[in-house]
C-alpha atoms as a PDB file:
ATOM      1  CA  MET A   1      26.353-202.047 -67.081  1.00  0.00           C
ATOM      2  CA  PRO A   2      29.033-203.665 -64.823  1.00  0.00           C
ATOM      3  CA  LEU A   3      27.847-205.443 -61.661  1.00  0.00           C
ATOM      4  CA  ARG A   4      28.933-204.104 -58.596  1.00  0.00           C
ATOM      5  CA  ASP A   5      30.826-206.545 -56.243  1.00  0.00           C
ATOM      6  CA  VAL A   6      29.731-207.099 -52.612  1.00  0.00           C
ATOM      7  CA  LEU A   7      31.959-209.470 -50.573  1.00  0.00           C
ATOM      8  CA  VAL A   8      30.495-210.965 -47.514  1.00  0.00           C
ATOM      9  CA  VAL A   9      32.652-212.494 -44.742  1.00  0.00           C
ATOM     10  CA  LEU A  10      31.107-215.474 -43.003  1.00  0.00           C
ATOM     11  CA  TYR A  11      32.098-217.246 -39.819  1.00  0.00           C
ATOM     12  CA  ASP A  12      30.538-219.686 -37.116  1.00  0.00           C
ATOM     13  CA  GLY A  13      28.356-217.868 -35.035  1.00  0.00           C
ATOM     14  CA  VAL A  14      27.407-215.139 -37.406  1.00  0.00           C
ATOM     15  CA  GLN A  15      23.922-213.571 -36.979  1.00  0.00           C
ATOM     16  CA  SER A  16      22.152-214.813 -39.996  1.00  0.00           C
ATOM     17  CA  LEU A  17      20.119-211.675 -40.501  1.00  0.00           C
ATOM     18  CA  ASP A  18      23.062-209.613 -40.235  1.00  0.00           C
ATOM     19  CA  VAL A  19      23.980-211.598 -43.582  1.00  0.00           C
ATOM     20  CA  THR A  20      20.621-212.337 -45.370  1.00  0.00           C
ATOM     21  CA  GLY A  21      19.126-208.586 -44.748  1.00  0.00           C
ATOM     22  CA  PRO A  22      21.816-206.762 -46.709  1.00  0.00           C
ATOM     23  CA  VAL A  23      21.999-209.537 -49.076  1.00  0.00           C
ATOM     24  CA  GLU A  24      18.567-209.752 -49.868  1.00  0.00           C
ATOM     25  CA  VAL A  25      18.728-205.909 -50.435  1.00  0.00           C
ATOM     26  CA  PHE A  26      21.405-206.048 -53.031  1.00  0.00           C
ATOM     27  CA  ASP A  27      20.272-209.243 -54.886  1.00  0.00           C
ATOM     28  CA  GLY A  28      16.718-207.516 -55.158  1.00  0.00           C
ATOM     29  CA  ALA A  29      18.272-204.320 -56.676  1.00  0.00           C
ATOM     30  CA  GLY A  30      19.544-206.392 -59.277  1.00  0.00           C
ATOM     31  CA  ARG A  31      16.483-208.325 -60.170  1.00  0.00           C
ATOM     32  CA  CYS A  32      14.235-205.569 -59.932  1.00  0.00           C
ATOM     33  CA  ARG A  33      16.408-203.184 -62.330  1.00  0.00           C
ATOM     34  CA  PRO A  34      18.755-205.376 -64.273  1.00  0.00           C
ATOM     35  CA  ASP A  35      19.209-202.619 -66.715  1.00  0.00           C
ATOM     36  CA  ASP A  36      20.836-200.419 -64.244  1.00  0.00           C
ATOM     37  CA  GLY A  37      23.407-202.785 -63.384  1.00  0.00           C
ATOM     38  CA  GLY A  38      23.039-204.885 -60.006  1.00  0.00           C
ATOM     39  CA  TYR A  39      25.315-206.431 -57.657  1.00  0.00           C
ATOM     40  CA  ALA A  40      27.611-209.474 -57.673  1.00  0.00           C
ATOM     41  CA  VAL A  41      27.288-210.917 -54.000  1.00  0.00           C
ATOM     42  CA  ARG A  42      29.965-213.356 -53.046  1.00  0.00           C
ATOM     43  CA  THR A  43      30.284-215.127 -49.660  1.00  0.00           C
ATOM     44  CA  VAL A  44      33.647-216.120 -48.067  1.00  0.00           C
ATOM     45  CA  SER A  45      34.669-218.000 -45.033  1.00  0.00           C
ATOM     46  CA  PRO A  46      37.959-219.027 -43.417  1.00  0.00           C
ATOM     47  CA  GLY A  47      39.071-222.168 -44.940  1.00  0.00           C
ATOM     48  CA  GLY A  48      36.177-221.683 -47.421  1.00  0.00           C
ATOM     49  CA  GLY A  49      34.030-224.397 -45.671  1.00  0.00           C
ATOM     50  CA  PRO A  50      30.200-224.187 -44.256  1.00  0.00           C
ATOM     51  CA  VAL A  51      29.468-222.115 -41.296  1.00  0.00           C
ATOM     52  CA  ARG A  52      26.820-222.562 -38.468  1.00  0.00           C
ATOM     53  CA  THR A  53      24.975-219.280 -37.648  1.00  0.00           C
ATOM     54  CA  GLY A  54      24.382-218.119 -33.974  1.00  0.00           C
ATOM     55  CA  SER A  55      20.703-219.485 -34.413  1.00  0.00           C
ATOM     56  CA  GLY A  56      21.766-222.961 -36.065  1.00  0.00           C
ATOM     57  CA  LEU A  57      21.298-222.268 -39.772  1.00  0.00           C
ATOM     58  CA  THR A  58      24.119-223.464 -41.954  1.00  0.00           C
ATOM     59  CA  LEU A  59      25.572-221.412 -44.508  1.00  0.00           C
ATOM     60  CA  VAL A  60      27.512-222.547 -47.381  1.00  0.00           C
ATOM     61  CA  PRO A  61      29.961-219.876 -48.730  1.00  0.00           C
ATOM     62  CA  ASP A  62      31.269-219.303 -52.407  1.00  0.00           C
ATOM     63  CA  GLY A  63      34.996-219.456 -51.483  1.00  0.00           C
ATOM     64  CA  ASP A  64      37.709-219.389 -49.192  1.00  0.00           C
ATOM     65  CA  LEU A  65      38.440-215.964 -47.341  1.00  0.00           C
ATOM     66  CA  GLU A  66      42.152-216.194 -47.772  1.00  0.00           C
ATOM     67  CA  GLY A  67      42.043-216.237 -51.391  1.00  0.00           C
ATOM     68  CA  ALA A  68      39.623-213.268 -51.650  1.00  0.00           C
ATOM     69  CA  ARG A  69      41.065-209.560 -52.666  1.00  0.00           C
ATOM     70  CA  PRO A  70      38.491-206.802 -52.346  1.00  0.00           C
ATOM     71  CA  GLY A  71      39.283-203.940 -54.695  1.00  0.00           C
ATOM     72  CA  PRO A  72      38.154-200.277 -55.342  1.00  0.00           C
ATOM     73  CA  GLY A  73      34.774-201.436 -56.677  1.00  0.00           C
ATOM     74  CA  THR A  74      34.114-203.993 -53.919  1.00  0.00           C
ATOM     75  CA  THR A  75      31.944-203.355 -51.073  1.00  0.00           C
ATOM     76  CA  LEU A  76      33.041-205.294 -48.252  1.00  0.00           C
ATOM     77  CA  LEU A  77      30.683-206.310 -45.624  1.00  0.00           C
ATOM     78  CA  VAL A  78      31.425-207.787 -42.232  1.00  0.00           C
ATOM     79  CA  PRO A  79      28.460-209.109 -40.310  1.00  0.00           C
ATOM     80  CA  GLY A  80      27.937-209.426 -36.509  1.00  0.00           C
ATOM     81  CA  GLY A  81      27.856-212.641 -34.583  1.00  0.00           C
ATOM     82  CA  ARG A  82      27.292-213.894 -31.014  1.00  0.00           C
ATOM     83  CA  ARG A  83      31.021-214.768 -30.548  1.00  0.00           C
ATOM     84  CA  THR A  84      32.591-211.595 -32.231  1.00  0.00           C
ATOM     85  CA  GLY A  85      34.354-210.636 -29.285  1.00  0.00           C
ATOM     86  CA  ASP A  86      36.412-214.053 -29.704  1.00  0.00           C
ATOM     87  CA  PHE A  87      38.329-212.987 -32.544  1.00  0.00           C
ATOM     88  CA  ASP A  88      39.265-215.327 -35.062  1.00  0.00           C
ATOM     89  CA  PRO A  89      42.772-214.159 -36.216  1.00  0.00           C
ATOM     90  CA  ARG A  90      42.393-215.725 -39.636  1.00  0.00           C
ATOM     91  CA  ILE A  91      39.483-213.016 -40.162  1.00  0.00           C
ATOM     92  CA  THR A  92      41.429-210.161 -38.232  1.00  0.00           C
ATOM     93  CA  ASP A  93      44.486-210.659 -39.697  1.00  0.00           C
ATOM     94  CA  TRP A  94      42.961-210.802 -43.416  1.00  0.00           C
ATOM     95  CA  LEU A  95      40.826-207.700 -42.675  1.00  0.00           C
ATOM     96  CA  ARG A  96      43.997-206.068 -41.522  1.00  0.00           C
ATOM     97  CA  ALA A  97      45.631-206.908 -44.658  1.00  0.00           C
ATOM     98  CA  HIS A  98      43.236-206.465 -47.276  1.00  0.00           C
ATOM     99  CA  GLY A  99      39.927-204.669 -45.699  1.00  0.00           C
ATOM    100  CA  GLY A 100      41.333-201.068 -46.540  1.00  0.00           C
ATOM    101  CA  ARG A 101      41.613-201.783 -49.946  1.00  0.00           C
ATOM    102  CA  ALA A 102      37.862-202.202 -50.467  1.00  0.00           C
ATOM    103  CA  GLY A 103      35.956-199.476 -52.178  1.00  0.00           C
ATOM    104  CA  ARG A 104      33.550-199.600 -49.200  1.00  0.00           C
ATOM    105  CA  LEU A 105      33.902-201.063 -45.807  1.00  0.00           C
ATOM    106  CA  VAL A 106      30.710-202.019 -44.150  1.00  0.00           C
ATOM    107  CA  SER A 107      29.685-203.673 -40.859  1.00  0.00           C
ATOM    108  CA  VAL A 108      26.421-204.501 -39.476  1.00  0.00           C
ATOM    109  CA  CYS A 109      26.038-204.977 -35.535  1.00  0.00           C
ATOM    110  CA  THR A 110      28.923-206.220 -33.813  1.00  0.00           C
ATOM    111  CA  GLY A 111      30.766-206.892 -36.969  1.00  0.00           C
ATOM    112  CA  GLY A 112      32.045-203.249 -36.054  1.00  0.00           C
ATOM    113  CA  LEU A 113      34.260-205.047 -33.338  1.00  0.00           C
ATOM    114  CA  LEU A 114      35.851-207.056 -36.091  1.00  0.00           C
ATOM    115  CA  LEU A 115      36.856-203.896 -37.986  1.00  0.00           C
ATOM    116  CA  ALA A 116      37.883-202.091 -34.785  1.00  0.00           C
ATOM    117  CA  GLU A 117      40.120-205.167 -33.870  1.00  0.00           C
ATOM    118  CA  ALA A 118      41.776-204.739 -37.216  1.00  0.00           C
ATOM    119  CA  GLY A 119      42.523-200.999 -36.822  1.00  0.00           C
ATOM    120  CA  LEU A 120      40.193-200.104 -39.502  1.00  0.00           C
ATOM    121  CA  LEU A 121      38.201-198.026 -37.833  1.00  0.00           C
ATOM    122  CA  ASP A 122      40.833-195.848 -35.861  1.00  0.00           C
ATOM    123  CA  GLY A 123      40.455-192.097 -36.380  1.00  0.00           C
ATOM    124  CA  ARG A 124      36.656-192.801 -37.437  1.00  0.00           C
ATOM    125  CA  ARG A 125      33.091-192.311 -36.122  1.00  0.00           C
ATOM    126  CA  ALA A 126      31.237-195.749 -35.689  1.00  0.00           C
ATOM    127  CA  THR A 127      28.471-197.418 -34.282  1.00  0.00           C
ATOM    128  CA  THR A 128      27.409-200.918 -33.317  1.00  0.00           C
ATOM    129  CA  HIS A 129      24.751-202.800 -31.282  1.00  0.00           C
ATOM    130  CA  TRP A 130      23.677-200.708 -28.530  1.00  0.00           C
ATOM    131  CA  SER A 131      24.754-203.559 -25.910  1.00  0.00           C
ATOM    132  CA  VAL A 132      28.401-203.237 -26.976  1.00  0.00           C
ATOM    133  CA  CYS A 133      28.856-199.590 -27.386  1.00  0.00           C
ATOM    134  CA  GLU A 134      30.122-198.927 -24.350  1.00  0.00           C
ATOM    135  CA  ARG A 135      32.681-202.027 -24.611  1.00  0.00           C
ATOM    136  CA  MET A 136      33.835-200.423 -27.943  1.00  0.00           C
ATOM    137  CA  ALA A 137      34.774-197.327 -26.747  1.00  0.00           C
ATOM    138  CA  ARG A 138      36.475-198.770 -23.862  1.00  0.00           C
ATOM    139  CA  ARG A 139      38.569-201.142 -25.972  1.00  0.00           C
ATOM    140  CA  TYR A 140      39.128-199.006 -28.818  1.00  0.00           C
ATOM    141  CA  PRO A 141      39.747-195.407 -27.730  1.00  0.00           C
ATOM    142  CA  ARG A 142      41.000-194.453 -31.221  1.00  0.00           C
ATOM    143  CA  VAL A 143      37.445-195.165 -32.476  1.00  0.00           C
ATOM    144  CA  THR A 144      34.828-192.265 -31.878  1.00  0.00           C
ATOM    145  CA  VAL A 145      31.755-194.340 -30.949  1.00  0.00           C
ATOM    146  CA  GLU A 146      28.196-193.187 -31.467  1.00  0.00           C
ATOM    147  CA  PRO A 147      25.885-195.182 -29.638  1.00  0.00           C
ATOM    148  CA  ASP A 148      22.416-193.641 -30.784  1.00  0.00           C
ATOM    149  CA  PRO A 149      22.037-193.933 -34.679  1.00  0.00           C
ATOM    150  CA  ILE A 150      21.297-196.977 -36.578  1.00  0.00           C
ATOM    151  CA  TYR A 151      24.198-196.248 -38.846  1.00  0.00           C
ATOM    152  CA  VAL A 152      27.157-193.967 -39.318  1.00  0.00           C
ATOM    153  CA  ARG A 153      28.861-193.089 -42.545  1.00  0.00           C
ATOM    154  CA  ASP A 154      32.469-191.877 -42.318  1.00  0.00           C
ATOM    155  CA  GLY A 155      33.979-191.648 -45.712  1.00  0.00           C
ATOM    156  CA  PRO A 156      34.362-194.858 -47.376  1.00  0.00           C
ATOM    157  CA  VAL A 157      33.359-196.780 -43.876  1.00  0.00           C
ATOM    158  CA  ALA A 158      30.005-197.576 -42.920  1.00  0.00           C
ATOM    159  CA  THR A 159      29.076-199.267 -39.738  1.00  0.00           C
ATOM    160  CA  SER A 160      25.524-199.936 -38.550  1.00  0.00           C
ATOM    161  CA  ALA A 161      23.794-201.082 -35.364  1.00  0.00           C
ATOM    162  CA  GLY A 162      22.059-204.061 -34.325  1.00  0.00           C
ATOM    163  CA  VAL A 163      20.269-206.649 -36.892  1.00  0.00           C
ATOM    164  CA  THR A 164      17.904-204.905 -38.839  1.00  0.00           C
ATOM    165  CA  ALA A 165      19.651-201.819 -39.074  1.00  0.00           C
ATOM    166  CA  GLY A 166      22.200-203.564 -41.865  1.00  0.00           C
ATOM    167  CA  ILE A 167      19.050-203.618 -44.220  1.00  0.00           C
ATOM    168  CA  ASP A 168      18.509-199.759 -43.795  1.00  0.00           C
ATOM    169  CA  LEU A 169      22.298-199.314 -44.577  1.00  0.00           C
ATOM    170  CA  ALA A 170      22.195-201.343 -47.289  1.00  0.00           C
ATOM    171  CA  LEU A 171      19.175-199.441 -48.800  1.00  0.00           C
ATOM    172  CA  ALA A 172      21.241-196.199 -48.354  1.00  0.00           C
ATOM    173  CA  LEU A 173      24.159-197.839 -50.470  1.00  0.00           C
ATOM    174  CA  VAL A 174      21.683-199.101 -53.270  1.00  0.00           C
ATOM    175  CA  GLU A 175      20.033-195.379 -53.004  1.00  0.00           C
ATOM    176  CA  GLU A 176      23.410-194.052 -53.537  1.00  0.00           C
ATOM    177  CA  ASP A 177      24.403-196.387 -56.274  1.00  0.00           C
ATOM    178  CA  LEU A 178      21.146-196.780 -58.279  1.00  0.00           C
ATOM    179  CA  GLY A 179      19.055-194.192 -57.353  1.00  0.00           C
ATOM    180  CA  ARG A 180      16.113-193.625 -54.802  1.00  0.00           C
ATOM    181  CA  ASP A 181      13.288-195.268 -57.154  1.00  0.00           C
ATOM    182  CA  VAL A 182      15.191-198.486 -57.080  1.00  0.00           C
ATOM    183  CA  ALA A 183      15.922-198.515 -53.274  1.00  0.00           C
ATOM    184  CA  LEU A 184      12.250-197.649 -52.849  1.00  0.00           C
ATOM    185  CA  LEU A 185      11.191-200.648 -54.774  1.00  0.00           C
ATOM    186  CA  ILE A 186      13.368-202.892 -52.911  1.00  0.00           C
ATOM    187  CA  ALA A 187      12.089-201.471 -49.505  1.00  0.00           C
ATOM    188  CA  ARG A 188       8.338-202.134 -50.642  1.00  0.00           C
ATOM    189  CA  HIS A 189       9.162-205.382 -51.623  1.00  0.00           C
ATOM    190  CA  LEU A 190      10.831-206.192 -48.417  1.00  0.00           C
ATOM    191  CA  VAL A 191       7.767-204.245 -46.534  1.00  0.00           C
ATOM    192  CA  VAL A 192      10.164-202.051 -44.651  1.00  0.00           C
ATOM    193  CA  PHE A 193      10.522-198.291 -44.720  1.00  0.00           C
ATOM    194  CA  LEU A 194      12.570-196.742 -47.046  1.00  0.00           C
ATOM    195  CA  ARG A 195      14.378-195.661 -45.061  1.00  0.00           C
ATOM    196  CA  ARG A 196      15.168-194.510 -41.488  1.00  0.00           C
ATOM    197  CA  PRO A 197      17.509-192.014 -41.296  1.00  0.00           C
ATOM    198  CA  GLY A 198      21.021-192.935 -40.075  1.00  0.00           C
ATOM    199  CA  ASN A 199      20.704-190.751 -37.279  1.00  0.00           C
ATOM    200  CA  GLN A 200      17.395-192.056 -35.885  1.00  0.00           C
ATOM    201  CA  ALA A 201      17.888-193.595 -32.498  1.00  0.00           C
ATOM    202  CA  GLN A 202      18.552-197.401 -32.410  1.00  0.00           C
ATOM    203  CA  PHE A 203      15.522-198.172 -30.450  1.00  0.00           C
ATOM    204  CA  SER A 204      12.547-196.313 -28.981  1.00  0.00           C
ATOM    205  CA  ALA A 205      12.309-194.006 -26.093  1.00  0.00           C
ATOM    206  CA  HIS A 206      10.872-196.709 -23.933  1.00  0.00           C
ATOM    207  CA  LEU A 207      13.672-199.080 -24.707  1.00  0.00           C
ATOM    208  CA  ALA A 208      16.255-196.474 -24.633  1.00  0.00           C
ATOM    209  CA  ALA A 209      15.454-195.713 -21.021  1.00  0.00           C
ATOM    210  CA  GLN A 210      15.523-198.320 -18.305  1.00  0.00           C
ATOM    211  CA  THR A 211      12.089-199.017 -16.600  1.00  0.00           C
ATOM    212  CA  ALA A 212      11.981-197.592 -12.955  1.00  0.00           C
ATOM    213  CA  ARG A 213      11.823-199.746 -10.016  1.00  0.00           C
ATOM    214  CA  ARG A 214       9.375-197.913  -7.995  1.00  0.00           C
ATOM    215  CA  GLU A 215       5.758-198.020  -9.021  1.00  0.00           C
ATOM    216  CA  PRO A 216       5.155-194.199  -9.066  1.00  0.00           C
ATOM    217  CA  LEU A 217       7.971-193.520 -11.273  1.00  0.00           C
ATOM    218  CA  ARG A 218       6.920-196.429 -13.666  1.00  0.00           C
ATOM    219  CA  GLU A 219       3.408-194.946 -13.461  1.00  0.00           C
ATOM    220  CA  VAL A 220       4.798-191.477 -14.466  1.00  0.00           C
ATOM    221  CA  GLN A 221       6.452-193.183 -17.492  1.00  0.00           C
ATOM    222  CA  HIS A 222       3.393-194.654 -18.717  1.00  0.00           C
ATOM    223  CA  TRP A 223       1.650-191.434 -18.141  1.00  0.00           C
ATOM    224  CA  ILE A 224       4.204-189.164 -20.367  1.00  0.00           C
ATOM    225  CA  THR A 225       3.938-192.376 -22.957  1.00  0.00           C
ATOM    226  CA  GLU A 226       0.140-191.758 -23.203  1.00  0.00           C
ATOM    227  CA  ASN A 227      -0.138-188.257 -22.851  1.00  0.00           C
ATOM    228  CA  PRO A 228       2.616-186.541 -24.983  1.00  0.00           C
ATOM    229  CA  GLY A 229       0.578-183.381 -25.537  1.00  0.00           C
ATOM    230  CA  GLY A 230       0.064-182.920 -21.743  1.00  0.00           C
ATOM    231  CA  ASP A 231       1.850-181.057 -19.005  1.00  0.00           C
ATOM    232  CA  LEU A 232       4.977-183.055 -18.643  1.00  0.00           C
ATOM    233  CA  SER A 233       6.853-180.471 -16.945  1.00  0.00           C
ATOM    234  CA  VAL A 234       8.899-181.612 -13.796  1.00  0.00           C
ATOM    235  CA  GLU A 235       6.305-180.005 -11.329  1.00  0.00           C
ATOM    236  CA  ALA A 236       3.414-181.760 -12.993  1.00  0.00           C
ATOM    237  CA  LEU A 237       5.121-184.993 -13.147  1.00  0.00           C
ATOM    238  CA  ALA A 238       6.428-184.743  -9.704  1.00  0.00           C
ATOM    239  CA  ALA A 239       2.915-184.142  -8.206  1.00  0.00           C
ATOM    240  CA  ARG A 240       1.725-187.485  -9.916  1.00  0.00           C
ATOM    241  CA  ALA A 241       4.487-189.276  -8.043  1.00  0.00           C
ATOM    242  CA  ALA A 242       3.838-187.718  -5.046  1.00  0.00           C
ATOM    243  CA  LEU A 243       7.624-186.132  -4.623  1.00  0.00           C
ATOM    244  CA  SER A 244       9.064-182.737  -4.485  1.00  0.00           C
ATOM    245  CA  PRO A 245      10.269-181.620  -7.801  1.00  0.00           C
ATOM    246  CA  ARG A 246      13.748-181.991  -6.802  1.00  0.00           C
ATOM    247  CA  HIS A 247      13.624-185.444  -5.309  1.00  0.00           C
ATOM    248  CA  PHE A 248      11.599-186.705  -8.309  1.00  0.00           C
ATOM    249  CA  ALA A 249      14.131-185.407 -10.811  1.00  0.00           C
ATOM    250  CA  ARG A 250      16.797-187.046  -8.897  1.00  0.00           C
ATOM    251  CA  ALA A 251      15.061-190.489  -8.533  1.00  0.00           C
ATOM    252  CA  PHE A 252      13.586-190.450 -12.017  1.00  0.00           C
ATOM    253  CA  GLN A 253      17.617-190.158 -13.448  1.00  0.00           C
ATOM    254  CA  ALA A 254      18.839-192.460 -10.966  1.00  0.00           C
ATOM    255  CA  GLU A 255      16.056-195.359 -12.116  1.00  0.00           C
ATOM    256  CA  THR A 256      15.899-194.696 -15.730  1.00  0.00           C
ATOM    257  CA  GLY A 257      19.360-193.295 -16.706  1.00  0.00           C
ATOM    258  CA  VAL A 258      17.922-190.135 -18.265  1.00  0.00           C
ATOM    259  CA  THR A 259      16.540-186.821 -17.011  1.00  0.00           C
ATOM    260  CA  PRO A 260      12.821-186.359 -17.123  1.00  0.00           C
ATOM    261  CA  GLY A 261      13.075-183.459 -19.645  1.00  0.00           C
ATOM    262  CA  ARG A 262      15.317-185.666 -21.981  1.00  0.00           C
ATOM    263  CA  TYR A 263      12.781-188.731 -21.639  1.00  0.00           C
ATOM    264  CA  VAL A 264      10.054-186.092 -22.403  1.00  0.00           C
ATOM    265  CA  GLU A 265      11.745-185.188 -25.559  1.00  0.00           C
ATOM    266  CA  ARG A 266      12.209-188.697 -26.786  1.00  0.00           C
ATOM    267  CA  VAL A 267       8.653-189.799 -26.392  1.00  0.00           C
ATOM    268  CA  ARG A 268       7.277-186.417 -27.835  1.00  0.00           C
ATOM    269  CA  VAL A 269       9.968-186.588 -30.795  1.00  0.00           C
ATOM    270  CA  GLU A 270       8.964-190.200 -31.223  1.00  0.00           C
ATOM    271  CA  HIS A 271       5.316-189.538 -31.552  1.00  0.00           C
ATOM    272  CA  ALA A 272       5.615-186.717 -33.749  1.00  0.00           C
ATOM    273  CA  ARG A 273       7.704-188.853 -36.022  1.00  0.00           C
ATOM    274  CA  ARG A 274       4.820-191.523 -36.133  1.00  0.00           C
ATOM    275  CA  LEU A 275       2.517-189.046 -37.045  1.00  0.00           C
ATOM    276  CA  LEU A 276       4.332-187.621 -39.816  1.00  0.00           C
ATOM    277  CA  GLU A 277       4.676-190.908 -41.444  1.00  0.00           C
ATOM    278  CA  GLU A 278       1.209-192.097 -40.912  1.00  0.00           C
ATOM    279  CA  SER A 279      -1.025-189.300 -41.232  1.00  0.00           C
ATOM    280  CA  GLY A 280      -1.756-185.987 -43.451  1.00  0.00           C
ATOM    281  CA  GLU A 281      -2.164-184.012 -40.230  1.00  0.00           C
ATOM    282  CA  GLY A 282      -0.551-180.595 -40.745  1.00  0.00           C
ATOM    283  CA  VAL A 283       2.608-179.850 -38.930  1.00  0.00           C
ATOM    284  CA  ALA A 284       0.962-177.101 -36.825  1.00  0.00           C
ATOM    285  CA  ARG A 285      -1.461-179.701 -35.391  1.00  0.00           C
ATOM    286  CA  ILE A 286       1.138-182.252 -35.181  1.00  0.00           C
ATOM    287  CA  SER A 287       3.046-179.856 -32.826  1.00  0.00           C
ATOM    288  CA  ARG A 288       0.350-179.109 -30.520  1.00  0.00           C
ATOM    289  CA  ALA A 289      -0.583-183.110 -30.137  1.00  0.00           C
ATOM    290  CA  CYS A 290       3.082-183.495 -29.168  1.00  0.00           C
ATOM    291  CA  GLY A 291       3.177-180.991 -26.534  1.00  0.00           C
ATOM    292  CA  TYR A 292       5.226-178.369 -28.803  1.00  0.00           C
ATOM    293  CA  GLY A 293       3.374-175.174 -28.582  1.00  0.00           C
ATOM    294  CA  THR A 294       4.499-173.966 -32.249  1.00  0.00           C
ATOM    295  CA  PRO A 295       5.676-175.732 -35.337  1.00  0.00           C
ATOM    296  CA  GLU A 296       8.966-174.059 -34.566  1.00  0.00           C
ATOM    297  CA  ALA A 297       9.598-175.559 -31.223  1.00  0.00           C
ATOM    298  CA  LEU A 298       8.947-179.210 -32.887  1.00  0.00           C
ATOM    299  CA  ARG A 299      11.261-177.978 -35.263  1.00  0.00           C
ATOM    300  CA  ARG A 300      14.112-177.192 -33.044  1.00  0.00           C
ATOM    301  CA  ALA A 301      13.416-180.680 -31.346  1.00  0.00           C
ATOM    302  CA  PHE A 302      13.646-182.438 -34.540  1.00  0.00           C
ATOM    303  CA  VAL A 303      16.735-180.744 -35.567  1.00  0.00           C
ATOM    304  CA  ARG A 304      18.268-181.537 -32.300  1.00  0.00           C
ATOM    305  CA  THR A 305      17.307-185.354 -32.301  1.00  0.00           C
ATOM    306  CA  LEU A 306      17.338-186.244 -35.732  1.00  0.00           C
ATOM    307  CA  GLY A 307      19.177-183.754 -37.566  1.00  0.00           C
ATOM    308  CA  GLN A 308      16.557-182.529 -39.853  1.00  0.00           C
ATOM    309  CA  PRO A 309      13.388-180.498 -39.783  1.00  0.00           C
ATOM    310  CA  PRO A 310       9.868-182.119 -39.722  1.00  0.00           C
ATOM    311  CA  SER A 311       9.050-181.229 -43.385  1.00  0.00           C
ATOM    312  CA  GLU A 312      12.276-183.109 -44.603  1.00  0.00           C
ATOM    313  CA  TYR A 313      11.402-186.020 -42.419  1.00  0.00           C
ATOM    314  CA  ARG A 314       7.984-186.256 -44.062  1.00  0.00           C
ATOM    315  CA  ARG A 315       9.141-185.743 -47.585  1.00  0.00           C
ATOM    316  CA  ARG A 316      11.589-188.718 -47.066  1.00  0.00           C
ATOM    317  CA  PHE A 317       9.722-191.032 -44.675  1.00  0.00           C
ATOM    318  CA  GLY A 318       5.995-190.043 -44.979  1.00  0.00           C
ATOM    319  CA  SER A 319       3.494-192.133 -46.267  1.00  0.00           C
ATOM    320  CA  PRO A 320       1.642-191.376 -49.531  1.00  0.00           C
ATOM    321  CA  ALA A 321      -1.483-189.906 -47.363  1.00  0.00           C
ATOM    322  CA  ALA A 322       0.968-187.532 -45.605  1.00  0.00           C
ATOM    323  CA  GLU A 323       2.623-185.918 -48.654  1.00  0.00           C
END
């Protein structure tokens, strides 16, 4: 079977894992199942010279960006980097002229800013590293920025969140091209999950919310994390903080950036997700352990947060013991 072309754009300051993570996935797919057809990965840079990554590694590309011409069978991958906001016109001009001709256009992390600067995300949904989502939305109003998912697919364009999310996106593309068995084999080889759903949050509930400054509120955050199955109503949490429910709700949101109810749901869904991945417990027992009285309540929370019910999540991402 013919090889599938993957063209990776390199530049000084590029994030090394944005490059090597997806490349290892694509290369591994060909090595594990050569009869199924693999990927021909090629790297290019402006001028064709070596580039120095943000962490100090030197990468030697295969050729000059200027002479590269992606076609309908090409997956064009644009990684992020520390200085992505300092746009090299050689890259943005090339992307503007040739990027739209690629069969699939993929960005990792802040590489999405390069695509946006070239106008390739106009009218599309996209994501990037959580720290620059607001800047992307402000600077590129024609792009619908989704700050939560680890990757977003919109037609032939796929954008991913920070760093390791590029591996998740590459695994999704391998599964699309060569099937789940091949992608699973690569995931096991790289010792990663196959695969986090694209709409899974970029980071945990504890990272998604700020840590409260005041000690009583920080203690409440820890209590929620350690007791997802307990009484986590606003009234109960306010009592732990020795505040009135109204004052507690206002203070919690002001210091963490989310409402108490939203924070509790994130923690409970995250806990349920881990149990579905790692244990053989039934959904009814997991529902109770996570503070949801019934499986239906857990199902609604999962659909609302992850876009799929617990049963489907377990089927796709659970450990063998949980199946």
